[in-house]
Amino acid sequence: DPENEIYLKSLELADR
């Protein structure tokens, strides 16, 4: 699901 990609991307952004 696209939402999953957004979720994973959000985690990457939050990690920075």
N, C-alpha and C. Protein backbone atom coordinates (compact mmCIF):
# COMPACT_ATOMS: atom_id res chain seq x y z
N ASP A 1 0.85 -1.21 0.00
CA ASP A 1 0.00 0.00 0.00
C ASP A 1 0.87 1.25 0.00
N PRO A 2 0.45 2.29 -0.70
CA PRO A 2 1.19 3.56 -0.74
C PRO A 2 1.36 4.13 0.66
N GLU A 3 0.36 3.92 1.50
CA GLU A 3 0.44 4.46 2.87
C GLU A 3 1.65 3.88 3.58
N ASN A 4 1.93 2.62 3.31
CA ASN A 4 3.08 1.98 3.95
C ASN A 4 4.36 2.69 3.55
N GLU A 5 4.46 3.05 2.27
CA GLU A 5 5.67 3.76 1.81
C GLU A 5 5.79 5.09 2.53
N ILE A 6 4.67 5.80 2.63
CA ILE A 6 4.68 7.10 3.31
C ILE A 6 5.09 6.91 4.77
N TYR A 7 4.58 5.83 5.38
CA TYR A 7 4.91 5.56 6.78
C TYR A 7 6.41 5.32 6.94
N LEU A 8 6.95 4.49 6.06
CA LEU A 8 8.38 4.20 6.14
C LEU A 8 9.20 5.46 5.87
N LYS A 9 8.76 6.25 4.91
CA LYS A 9 9.48 7.48 4.59
C LYS A 9 9.42 8.44 5.79
N SER A 10 8.29 8.49 6.46
CA SER A 10 8.14 9.36 7.62
C SER A 10 9.15 8.96 8.69
N LEU A 11 9.35 7.65 8.86
CA LEU A 11 10.30 7.19 9.87
C LEU A 11 11.70 7.67 9.50
N GLU A 12 12.04 7.61 8.22
CA GLU A 12 13.37 8.07 7.80
C GLU A 12 13.52 9.55 8.09
N LEU A 13 12.51 10.33 7.76
CA LEU A 13 12.59 11.78 7.99
C LEU A 13 12.68 12.07 9.48
N ALA A 14 11.95 11.31 10.28
CA ALA A 14 11.95 11.52 11.73
C ALA A 14 13.32 11.15 12.30
N ASP A 15 13.98 10.17 11.67
CA ASP A 15 15.27 9.73 12.17
C ASP A 15 16.31 10.83 12.00
N ARG A 16 16.15 11.63 10.97
CA ARG A 16 17.15 12.69 10.72
C ARG A 16 16.98 13.81 11.72
